[in-house]
Amino acid sequence: MIKAAIFDLDGTLLDRDNSVKTFIHRQYERWILHLGHIPKKKYVARFIELDKRGYVWKDKVYQQLVEEFEIAEISWEALLQDYISEFKHSCVPFTNLIPMLDELKKSNILLGMITNGYGQFQMDNIVALGIKEFFDVILISEWEGIKKPDPEIFHGAINKISVSAHECVFIGDHPVNDVAAARRVEMMGVWKKDFQWNNVNADYIVDDLAEIPLIIREIDSGDGYDDKN
């Protein structure tokens, strides 16, 4: 019997790719007096390239941008602070996020989240998505002092909601940090498809968050699921 669903944030609940695109377009417009000498498409494309889908923190990204584009009237520190304070206003959820969480809650499924990243920044994004109140536990790597794929952060989540690993499904987009790491601690690993990877070894594979309640019902019924790997 599945008692809990634990989620990754970026790339799973938060459509980070579209959020970043929205943010960086808005940042350019906010700072156009200082960035206007750079073609907008070039600034946007280079930010996205340097960001590497969130795996490079923005201090490095903005230092590189300031150097490459010879930005003289605004510092990289100011651009970074703009990112920290304004990104939450550009958060884009994946389709069916709220209905999916609402359905799980109504089914008495405990909800958790484990995300790598800076504590307040990630919490601001969670609040901006309007989903904080759905979750029984939220673990953010900076505040926990440990990050995925370390098994201890997974154990921390299940201990806080008082369930066993085999009573949990973990849903994430990263094959190693999410799916493999969850399976290593005996959770059921669900991969939310991401274009970067193929042939991911997961217990279940989904395209849409709306599939999550269906998967849980199928697991509990013992009937299996069509997208089972």
Protein backbone atom coordinates (compact mmCIF):
# COMPACT_ATOMS: atom_id res chain seq x y z
CA MET A 1 0.00 0.00 0.00
CA ILE A 2 1.39 3.38 -1.01
CA LYS A 3 1.05 5.90 1.80
CA ALA A 4 3.27 8.75 0.55
CA ALA A 5 4.35 10.47 -2.66
CA ILE A 6 7.58 12.43 -2.48
CA PHE A 7 8.55 14.82 -5.26
CA ASP A 8 11.53 16.62 -6.68
CA LEU A 9 10.86 20.31 -7.48
CA ASP A 10 12.79 21.63 -10.50
CA GLY A 11 11.89 19.85 -13.69
CA THR A 12 9.20 17.83 -11.91
CA LEU A 13 6.68 20.23 -10.38
CA LEU A 14 8.25 23.50 -11.52
CA ASP A 15 8.73 23.82 -15.28
CA ARG A 16 12.17 25.26 -14.80
CA ASP A 17 13.06 25.60 -18.49
CA ASN A 18 10.06 27.82 -19.19
CA SER A 19 10.45 29.63 -15.88
CA VAL A 20 14.04 30.55 -16.72
CA LYS A 21 13.06 31.76 -20.18
CA THR A 22 10.31 33.91 -18.70
CA PHE A 23 12.62 35.32 -16.05
CA ILE A 24 15.55 36.17 -18.27
CA HIS A 25 13.36 37.97 -20.82
CA ARG A 26 11.90 40.02 -17.97
CA GLN A 27 15.31 40.72 -16.49
CA TYR A 28 16.56 42.07 -19.78
CA GLU A 29 13.57 44.42 -19.99
CA ARG A 30 14.01 45.56 -16.36
CA TRP A 31 17.65 46.43 -16.97
CA ILE A 32 17.42 47.48 -20.60
CA LEU A 33 19.14 50.81 -19.95
CA HIS A 34 22.24 48.85 -18.92
CA LEU A 35 21.83 45.82 -21.16
CA GLY A 36 20.41 47.41 -24.29
CA HIS A 37 23.75 47.29 -26.12
CA ILE A 38 23.39 43.48 -26.15
CA PRO A 39 20.83 41.96 -28.54
CA LYS A 40 18.07 40.48 -26.38
CA LYS A 41 18.13 37.09 -28.10
CA LYS A 42 21.87 36.86 -27.54
CA TYR A 43 21.63 37.74 -23.83
CA VAL A 44 18.82 35.26 -23.26
CA ALA A 45 20.50 32.45 -25.17
CA ARG A 46 23.85 32.91 -23.43
CA PHE A 47 22.27 32.96 -19.97
CA ILE A 48 20.43 29.72 -20.68
CA GLU A 49 23.61 28.13 -22.03
CA LEU A 50 25.74 29.13 -19.03
CA ASP A 51 23.01 28.17 -16.54
CA LYS A 52 23.17 24.52 -17.66
CA ARG A 53 19.59 23.94 -16.52
CA GLY A 54 20.31 25.10 -12.99
CA TYR A 55 23.46 23.09 -12.32
CA VAL A 56 25.64 26.23 -12.32
CA TRP A 57 24.84 28.78 -9.64
CA LYS A 58 24.15 32.26 -10.92
CA ASP A 59 27.17 34.01 -9.42
CA LYS A 60 29.30 32.21 -12.02
CA VAL A 61 26.75 32.82 -14.76
CA TYR A 62 26.54 36.56 -14.16
CA GLN A 63 30.27 37.02 -13.76
CA GLN A 64 30.69 35.39 -17.17
CA LEU A 65 27.94 37.50 -18.74
CA VAL A 66 29.38 40.75 -17.41
CA GLU A 67 32.81 39.85 -18.77
CA GLU A 68 31.69 38.59 -22.16
CA PHE A 69 29.24 41.38 -22.92
CA GLU A 70 31.35 44.12 -21.31
CA ILE A 71 28.54 45.20 -19.03
CA ALA A 72 29.90 48.24 -17.24
CA GLU A 73 26.99 50.06 -15.64
CA ILE A 74 25.63 47.23 -13.55
CA SER A 75 27.55 44.67 -11.50
CA TRP A 76 27.18 40.92 -11.59
CA GLU A 77 26.23 41.13 -7.92
CA ALA A 78 23.26 43.36 -8.79
CA LEU A 79 22.13 41.01 -11.54
CA LEU A 80 22.44 38.07 -9.16
CA GLN A 81 20.37 39.84 -6.51
CA ASP A 82 17.76 40.57 -9.15
CA TYR A 83 17.65 36.84 -9.93
CA ILE A 84 17.30 35.90 -6.25
CA SER A 85 14.52 38.40 -5.56
CA GLU A 86 12.61 38.24 -8.84
CA PHE A 87 12.77 34.65 -10.10
CA LYS A 88 9.79 33.62 -7.98
CA HIS A 89 7.59 35.93 -10.04
CA SER A 90 8.38 33.90 -13.17
CA CYS A 91 7.64 30.41 -11.85
CA VAL A 92 5.73 28.26 -14.34
CA PRO A 93 4.08 25.06 -13.05
CA PHE A 94 3.80 21.92 -15.09
CA THR A 95 0.31 21.14 -16.37
CA ASN A 96 -2.03 19.52 -13.84
CA LEU A 97 0.17 20.32 -10.84
CA ILE A 98 -2.54 21.58 -8.48
CA PRO A 99 -5.24 19.08 -9.54
CA MET A 100 -2.76 16.23 -9.09
CA LEU A 101 -1.74 17.32 -5.59
CA ASP A 102 -5.35 17.94 -4.65
CA GLU A 103 -6.37 14.46 -5.80
CA LEU A 104 -3.57 12.83 -3.82
CA LYS A 105 -4.49 14.79 -0.70
CA LYS A 106 -8.14 13.75 -1.03
CA SER A 107 -6.93 10.16 -1.25
CA ASN A 108 -5.09 10.59 2.09
CA ILE A 109 -1.66 10.25 0.49
CA LEU A 110 1.07 11.99 2.48
CA LEU A 111 3.07 14.44 0.37
CA GLY A 112 6.76 15.28 0.60
CA MET A 113 9.33 17.18 -1.37
CA ILE A 114 13.11 16.86 -1.56
CA THR A 115 14.93 19.47 -3.61
CA ASN A 116 18.53 20.50 -4.00
CA GLY A 117 19.24 24.21 -3.88
CA TYR A 118 19.36 27.27 -1.67
CA GLY A 119 16.79 27.20 1.10
CA GLN A 120 14.93 30.49 0.93
CA PHE A 121 15.20 30.69 -2.86
CA GLN A 122 13.58 27.29 -3.31
CA MET A 123 10.95 27.97 -0.66
CA ASP A 124 10.04 31.24 -2.38
CA ASN A 125 9.47 29.30 -5.59
CA ILE A 126 7.36 26.67 -3.80
CA VAL A 127 5.21 29.43 -2.31
CA ALA A 128 4.94 31.15 -5.69
CA LEU A 129 3.58 27.95 -7.22
CA GLY A 130 0.87 27.92 -4.54
CA ILE A 131 1.72 24.40 -3.36
CA LYS A 132 3.45 24.77 0.01
CA GLU A 133 0.35 23.91 2.04
CA PHE A 134 -0.13 20.60 0.25
CA PHE A 135 3.11 19.16 1.66
CA ASP A 136 3.61 17.37 4.94
CA VAL A 137 7.40 17.68 4.67
CA ILE A 138 9.74 19.77 2.52
CA LEU A 139 13.48 19.18 2.63
CA ILE A 140 15.82 21.62 0.86
CA SER A 141 19.46 20.62 0.62
CA GLU A 142 21.00 23.85 1.95
CA TRP A 143 18.87 23.73 5.09
CA GLU A 144 19.44 20.00 5.57
CA GLY A 145 23.21 20.17 5.03
CA ILE A 146 22.97 17.25 2.62
CA LYS A 147 21.70 16.84 -0.91
CA LYS A 148 20.43 14.28 -3.39
CA PRO A 149 21.50 11.65 -4.30
CA ASP A 150 22.76 11.04 -0.74
CA PRO A 151 20.42 8.43 0.78
CA GLU A 152 20.26 10.29 4.08
CA ILE A 153 18.08 13.06 2.68
CA PHE A 154 15.61 10.44 1.45
CA HIS A 155 15.64 8.69 4.82
CA GLY A 156 15.09 12.07 6.45
CA ALA A 157 11.91 12.65 4.48
CA ILE A 158 10.33 9.28 5.16
CA ASN A 159 11.25 9.46 8.84
CA LYS A 160 9.54 12.84 9.17
CA ILE A 161 6.27 11.50 7.77
CA SER A 162 6.58 8.17 9.62
CA VAL A 163 6.31 5.77 6.71
CA SER A 164 8.60 3.06 5.42
CA ALA A 165 10.49 3.34 2.13
CA HIS A 166 8.45 0.64 0.40
CA GLU A 167 5.29 2.63 1.15
CA CYS A 168 6.60 5.61 -0.85
CA VAL A 169 6.85 6.61 -4.46
CA PHE A 170 9.41 9.22 -5.43
CA ILE A 171 8.82 11.30 -8.55
CA GLY A 172 11.64 13.20 -10.23
CA ASP A 173 13.16 14.13 -13.58
CA HIS A 174 16.80 13.23 -12.92
CA PRO A 175 17.73 9.58 -13.55
CA VAL A 176 20.52 9.52 -10.94
CA ASN A 177 19.72 12.15 -8.31
CA ASP A 178 16.03 11.29 -8.20
CA VAL A 179 15.07 7.90 -9.62
CA ALA A 180 18.16 5.79 -8.94
CA ALA A 181 18.73 7.42 -5.54
CA ALA A 182 15.14 6.75 -4.45
CA ARG A 183 15.26 3.16 -5.62
CA ARG A 184 18.53 2.66 -3.75
CA VAL A 185 16.69 3.31 -0.47
CA GLU A 186 13.85 0.99 -1.59
CA MET A 187 11.34 3.63 -2.61
CA MET A 188 9.53 3.12 -5.88
CA GLY A 189 11.13 5.42 -8.47
CA VAL A 190 8.96 7.30 -10.98
CA TRP A 191 10.71 9.19 -13.76
CA LYS A 192 9.01 12.29 -15.14
CA LYS A 193 10.26 12.31 -18.68
CA ASP A 194 12.89 14.86 -19.62
CA PHE A 195 14.27 15.31 -23.13
CA GLN A 196 17.89 15.06 -21.93
CA TRP A 197 17.74 11.34 -21.22
CA ASN A 198 16.56 8.10 -22.74
CA ASN A 199 16.24 4.52 -21.47
CA VAL A 200 16.00 5.54 -17.82
CA ASN A 201 15.77 2.60 -15.43
CA ALA A 202 12.66 3.46 -13.43
CA ASP A 203 9.74 1.57 -11.92
CA TYR A 204 7.30 3.84 -13.75
CA ILE A 205 7.60 6.56 -16.39
CA VAL A 206 5.19 9.47 -16.84
CA ASP A 207 4.77 12.37 -19.23
CA ASP A 208 2.16 14.25 -17.25
CA LEU A 209 1.65 14.82 -13.53
CA ALA A 210 -1.98 13.74 -13.90
CA GLU A 211 -0.69 10.17 -14.24
CA ILE A 212 0.66 10.05 -10.67
CA PRO A 213 -2.64 9.27 -8.89
CA LEU A 214 -3.36 6.61 -11.50
CA ILE A 215 0.01 4.98 -10.88
CA ILE A 216 -0.60 4.87 -7.14
CA ARG A 217 -4.03 3.30 -7.63
CA GLU A 218 -2.57 0.72 -10.00
CA ILE A 219 0.23 -0.15 -7.57
CA ASP A 220 -2.24 -0.60 -4.74
CA SER A 221 -4.53 -2.74 -6.87
CA GLY A 222 -1.64 -4.91 -8.06
CA ASP A 223 -2.75 -4.53 -11.69
CA GLY A 224 0.41 -2.88 -12.95
CA TYR A 225 0.60 0.18 -15.21
CA ASP A 226 1.00 0.53 -18.97
CA ASP A 227 4.13 2.70 -18.79
CA LYS A 228 5.91 0.46 -16.30
CA ASN A 229 9.53 0.10 -17.36
